[in-house]
Amino acid sequence: MAGFLLHQGAVVICAHGGQAMPTTPNPRVLVTGMPTATIAAPWVVAGCPLVPPPIPPCVTGLWLIGTVRVTSMGQPLVVQTGTAITMPGAATLIPISMQTRVMAT
């Protein structure tokens, strides 16, 4: 599925509303002057309002599905239509706003 590439300044939240950011931006591919992210690097989630019990708050997120045709340093890039899961709560990451100039599949 085609979608816009996510970059370091994109607004991505966990399903509970915590803010997610890439831990290792990809400096080889820039969009609107900001580095993109590959699916190999985890994302850190800050401010997840979920309080145990029963489910602990989201701490990290990992993109499982990214671009298929476009890669950087041999890794797929994170794309708006990709699939991600958080740990330890197994929620999803939801892209809210991102650059709208570069699409990839």
N, C-alpha and C. Protein backbone atom coordinates (compact mmCIF):
# COMPACT_ATOMS: atom_id res chain seq x y z
N MET A 1 0.83 -1.19 0.00
CA MET A 1 0.00 0.00 0.00
C MET A 1 0.87 1.25 0.00
N ALA A 2 0.50 2.18 -0.81
CA ALA A 2 1.25 3.43 -0.87
C ALA A 2 0.85 4.34 0.29
N GLY A 3 1.79 5.14 0.72
CA GLY A 3 1.52 6.09 1.80
C GLY A 3 2.65 7.08 1.90
N PHE A 4 2.45 8.10 2.70
CA PHE A 4 3.48 9.11 2.91
C PHE A 4 4.55 8.58 3.85
N LEU A 5 5.82 8.95 3.57
CA LEU A 5 6.91 8.55 4.46
C LEU A 5 6.82 9.32 5.77
N LEU A 6 7.11 8.64 6.87
CA LEU A 6 7.14 9.30 8.17
C LEU A 6 8.56 9.78 8.45
N HIS A 7 8.66 10.93 9.08
CA HIS A 7 9.96 11.53 9.37
C HIS A 7 10.06 11.83 10.85
N GLN A 8 11.20 12.33 11.26
CA GLN A 8 11.44 12.57 12.68
C GLN A 8 10.45 13.56 13.29
N GLY A 9 9.95 14.50 12.54
CA GLY A 9 9.02 15.49 13.07
C GLY A 9 7.55 15.10 12.94
N ALA A 10 7.26 13.91 12.43
CA ALA A 10 5.87 13.48 12.28
C ALA A 10 5.23 13.26 13.65
N VAL A 11 3.93 13.48 13.72
CA VAL A 11 3.20 13.23 14.97
C VAL A 11 2.61 11.83 14.89
N VAL A 12 3.12 10.96 15.77
CA VAL A 12 2.67 9.58 15.85
C VAL A 12 2.32 9.31 17.31
N ILE A 13 1.15 8.70 17.54
CA ILE A 13 0.74 8.40 18.90
C ILE A 13 0.43 6.91 19.06
N CYS A 14 0.48 6.44 20.30
CA CYS A 14 0.00 5.08 20.57
C CYS A 14 -1.52 5.14 20.63
N ALA A 15 -2.16 4.01 20.67
CA ALA A 15 -3.62 3.96 20.67
C ALA A 15 -4.22 4.64 21.90
N HIS A 16 -3.42 4.87 22.94
CA HIS A 16 -3.90 5.50 24.16
C HIS A 16 -3.59 7.00 24.21
N GLY A 17 -2.81 7.52 23.27
CA GLY A 17 -2.52 8.94 23.20
C GLY A 17 -1.10 9.35 23.56
N GLY A 18 -0.22 8.39 23.84
CA GLY A 18 1.18 8.72 24.12
C GLY A 18 1.92 9.09 22.85
N GLN A 19 2.88 10.00 22.93
CA GLN A 19 3.64 10.48 21.77
C GLN A 19 4.78 9.52 21.45
N ALA A 20 4.92 9.13 20.17
CA ALA A 20 5.98 8.22 19.73
C ALA A 20 6.96 8.95 18.83
N MET A 21 8.27 8.64 19.01
CA MET A 21 9.32 9.23 18.19
C MET A 21 10.35 8.16 17.85
N PRO A 22 10.97 8.23 16.67
CA PRO A 22 11.99 7.23 16.32
C PRO A 22 13.24 7.40 17.17
N THR A 23 13.84 6.28 17.56
CA THR A 23 15.07 6.34 18.36
C THR A 23 16.28 6.59 17.49
N THR A 24 16.26 6.10 16.25
CA THR A 24 17.38 6.26 15.35
C THR A 24 16.90 6.78 14.00
N PRO A 25 16.88 8.09 13.80
CA PRO A 25 16.47 8.62 12.50
C PRO A 25 17.45 8.19 11.39
N ASN A 26 16.94 8.13 10.18
CA ASN A 26 17.73 7.71 9.02
C ASN A 26 18.22 8.96 8.28
N PRO A 27 19.49 9.36 8.46
CA PRO A 27 19.97 10.60 7.84
C PRO A 27 20.21 10.50 6.33
N ARG A 28 20.13 9.32 5.76
CA ARG A 28 20.39 9.18 4.32
C ARG A 28 19.23 9.60 3.45
N VAL A 29 18.03 9.56 3.99
CA VAL A 29 16.84 9.97 3.22
C VAL A 29 16.15 11.08 4.01
N LEU A 30 16.09 12.27 3.41
CA LEU A 30 15.45 13.41 4.05
C LEU A 30 14.16 13.75 3.32
N VAL A 31 13.13 14.12 4.06
CA VAL A 31 11.90 14.65 3.49
C VAL A 31 11.60 15.94 4.23
N THR A 32 11.33 16.98 3.50
CA THR A 32 11.14 18.33 4.04
C THR A 32 12.25 18.70 5.02
N GLY A 33 13.47 18.26 4.71
CA GLY A 33 14.63 18.59 5.53
C GLY A 33 14.78 17.77 6.80
N MET A 34 13.90 16.83 7.04
CA MET A 34 13.95 16.00 8.25
C MET A 34 14.31 14.56 7.88
N PRO A 35 15.07 13.87 8.74
CA PRO A 35 15.40 12.47 8.46
C PRO A 35 14.18 11.57 8.58
N THR A 36 14.15 10.56 7.74
CA THR A 36 13.09 9.55 7.79
C THR A 36 13.46 8.51 8.84
N ALA A 37 12.70 7.41 8.89
CA ALA A 37 13.00 6.32 9.82
C ALA A 37 12.83 4.99 9.10
N THR A 38 13.65 4.02 9.46
CA THR A 38 13.50 2.67 8.92
C THR A 38 12.74 1.82 9.93
N ILE A 39 12.19 0.71 9.47
CA ILE A 39 11.44 -0.14 10.39
C ILE A 39 12.35 -0.91 11.34
N ALA A 40 13.66 -0.90 11.09
CA ALA A 40 14.59 -1.63 11.95
C ALA A 40 14.76 -1.00 13.32
N ALA A 41 14.58 0.31 13.41
CA ALA A 41 14.81 1.02 14.68
C ALA A 41 13.50 1.11 15.47
N PRO A 42 13.55 0.85 16.76
CA PRO A 42 12.34 1.00 17.58
C PRO A 42 11.98 2.47 17.79
N TRP A 43 10.76 2.71 18.17
CA TRP A 43 10.29 4.05 18.51
C TRP A 43 10.04 4.08 20.01
N VAL A 44 10.29 5.21 20.64
CA VAL A 44 10.04 5.37 22.06
C VAL A 44 8.70 6.09 22.23
N VAL A 45 7.91 5.61 23.19
CA VAL A 45 6.60 6.19 23.46
C VAL A 45 6.67 6.90 24.81
N ALA A 46 6.32 8.17 24.82
CA ALA A 46 6.33 8.96 26.05
C ALA A 46 4.93 9.46 26.37
N GLY A 47 4.58 9.42 27.63
CA GLY A 47 3.31 9.98 28.06
C GLY A 47 2.10 9.12 27.82
N CYS A 48 2.26 7.81 27.69
CA CYS A 48 1.10 6.93 27.55
C CYS A 48 0.32 6.97 28.87
N PRO A 49 -0.96 7.35 28.82
CA PRO A 49 -1.72 7.54 30.06
C PRO A 49 -2.18 6.25 30.72
N LEU A 50 -1.96 5.10 30.10
CA LEU A 50 -2.40 3.85 30.69
C LEU A 50 -1.62 3.57 31.97
N VAL A 51 -2.29 3.24 33.03
CA VAL A 51 -1.64 2.99 34.30
C VAL A 51 -1.99 1.57 34.74
N PRO A 52 -0.97 0.77 35.14
CA PRO A 52 -1.30 -0.59 35.59
C PRO A 52 -2.13 -0.56 36.85
N PRO A 53 -2.85 -1.59 37.17
CA PRO A 53 -3.26 -2.67 36.27
C PRO A 53 -4.40 -2.25 35.37
N PRO A 54 -4.86 -2.98 34.45
CA PRO A 54 -4.47 -4.34 34.08
C PRO A 54 -3.36 -4.37 33.04
N ILE A 55 -3.21 -3.29 32.25
CA ILE A 55 -2.22 -3.30 31.17
C ILE A 55 -1.19 -2.21 31.47
N PRO A 56 0.11 -2.52 31.37
CA PRO A 56 1.12 -1.49 31.56
C PRO A 56 1.13 -0.48 30.41
N PRO A 57 1.62 0.73 30.64
CA PRO A 57 1.64 1.75 29.58
C PRO A 57 2.62 1.38 28.47
N CYS A 58 2.38 1.94 27.30
CA CYS A 58 3.25 1.71 26.14
C CYS A 58 4.60 2.39 26.40
N VAL A 59 5.69 1.69 26.10
CA VAL A 59 7.04 2.23 26.31
C VAL A 59 7.78 2.33 24.99
N THR A 60 7.71 1.31 24.18
CA THR A 60 8.37 1.31 22.87
C THR A 60 7.39 0.83 21.81
N GLY A 61 7.73 1.12 20.57
CA GLY A 61 6.94 0.66 19.44
C GLY A 61 7.85 0.15 18.35
N LEU A 62 7.38 -0.80 17.58
CA LEU A 62 8.17 -1.37 16.49
C LEU A 62 7.28 -1.50 15.26
N TRP A 63 7.76 -0.96 14.16
CA TRP A 63 7.02 -1.06 12.90
C TRP A 63 7.27 -2.43 12.30
N LEU A 64 6.22 -3.15 11.98
CA LEU A 64 6.33 -4.49 11.41
C LEU A 64 6.29 -4.48 9.89
N ILE A 65 5.51 -3.57 9.33
CA ILE A 65 5.37 -3.47 7.88
C ILE A 65 5.65 -2.04 7.46
N GLY A 66 6.55 -1.88 6.51
CA GLY A 66 6.90 -0.55 5.98
C GLY A 66 6.82 -0.57 4.47
N THR A 67 7.72 0.18 3.83
CA THR A 67 7.73 0.21 2.37
C THR A 67 8.20 -1.13 1.82
N VAL A 68 7.75 -1.42 0.61
CA VAL A 68 8.13 -2.67 -0.05
C VAL A 68 9.15 -2.40 -1.14
N ARG A 69 8.96 -1.33 -1.89
CA ARG A 69 9.83 -1.04 -3.02
C ARG A 69 10.94 -0.06 -2.71
N VAL A 70 10.77 0.77 -1.70
CA VAL A 70 11.76 1.78 -1.37
C VAL A 70 12.47 1.38 -0.09
N THR A 71 13.81 1.32 -0.15
CA THR A 71 14.60 0.99 1.03
C THR A 71 15.74 1.99 1.19
N SER A 72 16.30 2.02 2.38
CA SER A 72 17.47 2.83 2.66
C SER A 72 18.39 2.00 3.52
N MET A 73 19.64 1.88 3.12
CA MET A 73 20.61 1.04 3.82
C MET A 73 20.09 -0.39 3.98
N GLY A 74 19.34 -0.85 2.97
CA GLY A 74 18.82 -2.21 2.96
C GLY A 74 17.59 -2.44 3.83
N GLN A 75 17.05 -1.39 4.42
CA GLN A 75 15.89 -1.52 5.31
C GLN A 75 14.69 -0.78 4.73
N PRO A 76 13.48 -1.35 4.89
CA PRO A 76 12.28 -0.61 4.48
C PRO A 76 12.09 0.64 5.33
N LEU A 77 11.49 1.66 4.75
CA LEU A 77 11.22 2.90 5.47
C LEU A 77 9.84 2.82 6.13
N VAL A 78 9.65 3.64 7.16
CA VAL A 78 8.36 3.71 7.83
C VAL A 78 7.42 4.55 6.98
N VAL A 79 6.25 3.99 6.73
CA VAL A 79 5.27 4.64 5.88
C VAL A 79 3.95 4.77 6.64
N GLN A 80 3.19 5.78 6.31
CA GLN A 80 1.93 6.09 6.99
C GLN A 80 0.99 4.89 7.04
N THR A 81 0.96 4.08 6.01
CA THR A 81 0.04 2.94 5.95
C THR A 81 0.63 1.66 6.53
N GLY A 82 1.82 1.76 7.12
CA GLY A 82 2.47 0.59 7.71
C GLY A 82 1.77 0.13 8.98
N THR A 83 2.25 -0.99 9.51
CA THR A 83 1.69 -1.56 10.72
C THR A 83 2.74 -1.55 11.82
N ALA A 84 2.33 -1.12 13.02
CA ALA A 84 3.25 -1.07 14.16
C ALA A 84 2.54 -1.59 15.40
N ILE A 85 3.34 -2.07 16.35
CA ILE A 85 2.82 -2.57 17.62
C ILE A 85 3.67 -2.01 18.75
N THR A 86 3.04 -1.74 19.88
CA THR A 86 3.77 -1.22 21.02
C THR A 86 4.02 -2.33 22.03
N MET A 87 5.02 -2.10 22.86
CA MET A 87 5.32 -3.03 23.92
C MET A 87 5.34 -2.28 25.23
N PRO A 88 4.89 -2.81 26.31
CA PRO A 88 4.38 -4.16 26.48
C PRO A 88 2.89 -4.30 26.25
N GLY A 89 2.18 -3.25 25.92
CA GLY A 89 0.72 -3.31 25.85
C GLY A 89 0.11 -3.86 24.58
N ALA A 90 0.87 -4.05 23.52
CA ALA A 90 0.40 -4.57 22.23
C ALA A 90 -0.67 -3.68 21.59
N ALA A 91 -0.55 -2.36 21.76
CA ALA A 91 -1.43 -1.41 21.07
C ALA A 91 -0.80 -1.08 19.72
N THR A 92 -1.45 -0.24 18.95
CA THR A 92 -0.91 0.16 17.65
C THR A 92 -0.36 1.58 17.72
N LEU A 93 0.53 1.90 16.79
CA LEU A 93 0.98 3.28 16.61
C LEU A 93 0.16 3.89 15.48
N ILE A 94 -0.28 5.12 15.69
CA ILE A 94 -1.16 5.78 14.73
C ILE A 94 -0.52 7.09 14.25
N PRO A 95 -0.18 7.19 12.95
CA PRO A 95 0.34 8.45 12.43
C PRO A 95 -0.78 9.49 12.35
N ILE A 96 -0.54 10.67 12.92
CA ILE A 96 -1.54 11.74 12.92
C ILE A 96 -1.22 12.79 11.86
N SER A 97 0.01 13.29 11.84
CA SER A 97 0.40 14.25 10.82
C SER A 97 1.83 13.95 10.38
N MET A 98 2.06 14.14 9.09
CA MET A 98 3.37 13.88 8.50
C MET A 98 3.52 14.72 7.25
N GLN A 99 4.70 14.71 6.66
CA GLN A 99 4.92 15.44 5.42
C GLN A 99 4.02 14.83 4.34
N THR A 100 3.62 15.63 3.38
CA THR A 100 2.69 15.15 2.34
C THR A 100 3.24 15.34 0.94
N ARG A 101 4.57 15.31 0.82
CA ARG A 101 5.18 15.48 -0.51
C ARG A 101 5.72 14.18 -1.08
N VAL A 102 6.18 13.27 -0.21
CA VAL A 102 6.84 12.05 -0.69
C VAL A 102 6.02 10.83 -0.30
N MET A 103 5.58 10.10 -1.34
CA MET A 103 4.86 8.85 -1.13
C MET A 103 5.74 7.70 -1.57
N ALA A 104 5.54 6.54 -0.94
CA ALA A 104 6.29 5.35 -1.33
C ALA A 104 5.41 4.13 -1.15
N THR A 105 5.81 3.05 -1.82
CA THR A 105 5.10 1.78 -1.66
C THR A 105 6.02 0.74 -1.11
